[in-house]
Protein backbone atom coordinates (compact mmCIF):
# COMPACT_ATOMS: atom_id res chain seq x y z
CA MET A 1 -0.07 0.15 0.06
CA ASN A 2 1.24 3.56 -0.88
CA PRO A 3 2.22 5.32 2.24
CA ASN A 4 0.81 8.56 0.93
CA ILE A 5 -2.66 7.37 0.68
CA LYS A 6 -3.23 8.49 4.23
CA TYR A 7 -3.02 12.11 2.85
CA VAL A 8 -5.48 11.47 0.02
CA VAL A 9 -7.88 10.39 2.76
CA ILE A 10 -7.26 13.32 5.16
CA MET A 11 -7.05 16.21 2.75
CA PRO A 12 -10.86 16.09 1.62
CA ILE A 13 -12.02 16.05 5.39
CA ILE A 14 -9.72 19.11 5.81
CA LEU A 15 -11.43 20.70 2.63
CA VAL A 16 -14.95 20.02 4.04
CA PHE A 17 -14.12 21.44 7.48
CA THR A 18 -12.46 24.44 6.06
CA SER A 19 -15.44 25.24 3.81
CA LEU A 20 -17.60 24.94 6.86
CA ALA A 21 -15.69 27.49 8.40
CA ILE A 22 -16.37 29.99 5.52
CA ALA A 23 -19.99 28.92 5.29
CA LEU A 24 -21.32 28.67 8.80
CA ASP A 25 -22.47 31.67 10.90
CA ILE A 26 -19.64 33.13 12.97
CA SER A 27 -21.48 35.62 14.78
CA VAL A 28 -24.97 37.35 14.75
CA CYS A 29 -23.70 38.94 11.51
CA GLY A 30 -23.78 35.81 9.63
CA SER A 31 -21.21 33.74 7.78
CA LEU A 32 -17.66 35.27 7.09
CA PHE A 33 -18.49 36.47 3.63
CA ALA A 34 -21.76 38.03 4.49
CA GLN A 35 -21.98 41.81 3.63
CA SER A 36 -22.84 42.47 7.21
CA CYS A 37 -19.70 40.63 8.52
CA GLN A 38 -17.62 42.33 6.03
CA LYS A 39 -18.35 45.51 7.84
CA SER A 40 -15.97 44.55 10.44
CA GLU A 41 -12.14 44.60 9.75
CA VAL A 42 -11.65 41.62 11.96
CA TYR A 43 -14.09 39.30 9.94
CA LYS A 44 -12.57 40.80 6.77
CA GLN A 45 -9.02 39.55 7.76
CA MET A 46 -10.37 36.18 8.96
CA ALA A 47 -12.39 35.75 5.60
CA ALA A 48 -9.16 36.47 3.68
CA LEU A 49 -6.97 34.05 5.68
CA ILE A 50 -9.40 31.30 5.73
CA ALA A 51 -10.07 31.66 1.83
CA THR A 52 -6.54 31.66 1.37
CA ALA A 53 -6.05 28.48 3.39
CA LEU A 54 -8.96 26.86 1.59
CA ALA A 55 -7.22 27.66 -1.67
CA LEU A 56 -3.97 26.22 -0.27
CA PHE A 57 -5.75 22.91 0.80
CA ILE A 58 -7.17 22.56 -2.32
CA ILE A 59 -3.59 22.80 -4.04
CA GLY A 60 -2.49 20.33 -1.31
CA THR A 61 -5.17 17.83 -1.92
CA MET A 62 -4.18 17.81 -5.61
CA PHE A 63 -0.44 17.35 -4.74
CA ALA A 64 -1.78 14.41 -2.45
CA PHE A 65 -3.32 12.66 -5.36
CA ILE A 66 -0.34 13.26 -7.72
CA SER A 67 1.89 11.73 -4.90
CA ILE A 68 0.17 8.47 -5.29
CA PHE A 69 1.06 7.98 -8.82
CA LYS A 70 4.33 9.82 -9.17
CA GLY A 71 6.65 8.92 -6.01
CA LYS A 72 8.87 12.17 -6.57
CA SER A 73 10.22 13.51 -3.31
CA TRP A 74 9.60 17.41 -4.46
CA ILE A 75 6.00 16.45 -4.92
CA CYS A 76 5.80 15.38 -1.09
CA ILE A 77 7.78 18.50 -0.07
CA SER A 78 5.61 20.73 -2.07
CA GLU A 79 2.60 19.28 -0.61
CA PHE A 80 4.09 19.66 2.93
CA ILE A 81 4.92 23.42 2.45
CA ILE A 82 1.60 24.24 0.95
CA VAL A 83 -0.67 22.18 3.61
CA ALA A 84 1.58 23.55 6.36
CA ALA A 85 1.16 27.23 5.13
CA GLY A 86 -2.85 26.74 4.80
CA ALA A 87 -2.71 25.33 8.56
CA THR A 88 -0.79 28.29 9.66
CA LEU A 89 -3.20 30.64 8.07
CA MET A 90 -6.15 29.02 9.73
CA LEU A 91 -4.07 28.99 12.98
CA ILE A 92 -3.71 32.84 12.47
CA ALA A 93 -7.34 33.40 11.70
CA LEU A 94 -8.29 31.83 14.92
CA CYS A 95 -5.74 33.87 16.75
CA ILE A 96 -7.41 36.98 15.26
CA TYR A 97 -10.84 36.08 16.40
CA TYR A 98 -9.69 35.15 19.88
CA GLN A 99 -7.46 38.29 20.13
CA GLY A 100 -9.66 40.43 22.17
CA LYS A 101 -11.90 37.90 23.91
CA HIS A 102 -9.44 36.18 26.31
CA PHE A 103 -11.00 32.94 25.48
CA TRP A 104 -7.72 30.94 24.75
CA ALA A 105 -9.00 27.73 26.29
CA PRO A 106 -11.22 26.79 23.31
CA LEU A 107 -8.58 27.65 20.89
CA VAL A 108 -5.81 25.53 22.56
CA GLY A 109 -8.52 22.78 22.88
CA GLY A 110 -9.23 22.92 19.32
CA ILE A 111 -5.60 22.64 18.37
CA ALA A 112 -5.29 19.57 20.73
CA MET A 113 -8.25 17.96 19.53
CA THR A 114 -7.04 18.31 15.83
CA LEU A 115 -3.67 17.01 16.56
CA GLY A 116 -5.22 13.91 18.49
CA LEU A 117 -7.84 13.33 15.67
CA GLU A 118 -5.34 13.41 12.99
CA THR A 119 -2.99 11.09 14.82
CA SER A 120 -5.85 8.60 15.56
CA VAL A 121 -6.62 8.63 11.64
CA PHE A 122 -2.90 8.05 10.78
CA ILE A 123 -2.66 5.20 13.59
CA LEU A 124 -5.79 3.62 12.23
CA ILE A 125 -4.42 3.67 8.58
CA ASP A 126 -1.29 2.13 9.76
CA ILE A 127 -3.06 -0.70 11.57
CA LEU A 128 -5.35 -1.31 8.39
CA SER A 129 -2.48 -1.34 6.25
C-alpha cells in the first residue's frame, strides 16, 4: 500500500471543515462572507485568511493525489509546504478571532483535538495497512 494514501484520505476532510468554517455563521452577522460581517475589519481579515487557506488546501489535495502516482520527493515536499502554510493561516485566523476575547481555552482545546484526531486517523490507517 502506498504510504501517501493517508494524505489522500485526510485532505478532503480538511477541505470540508475549511469550507464549513467559511459557510457557517460566525456571529450574529452571519457567515464570514456576508455583507454584514464584511463591515468588521476582524471578520474581513479572517475571511481572507481562511479563503487563502482553502485555496492552499485545494492545491495540497491535488498534490496528495499526484504523489500516489508519481513518487517524486519534490511533490511530497511541495505538499508539506502548501498544507503547512494553509494550517498556519487557519491558526492566524483563529488567533485574530480570539485576540480581544481572552478565551484561549477553546483555541488551545481545538488545536489539541485536531492533533489528536489526525494522529488517531494515521494510526488507524497504519493498523489497516
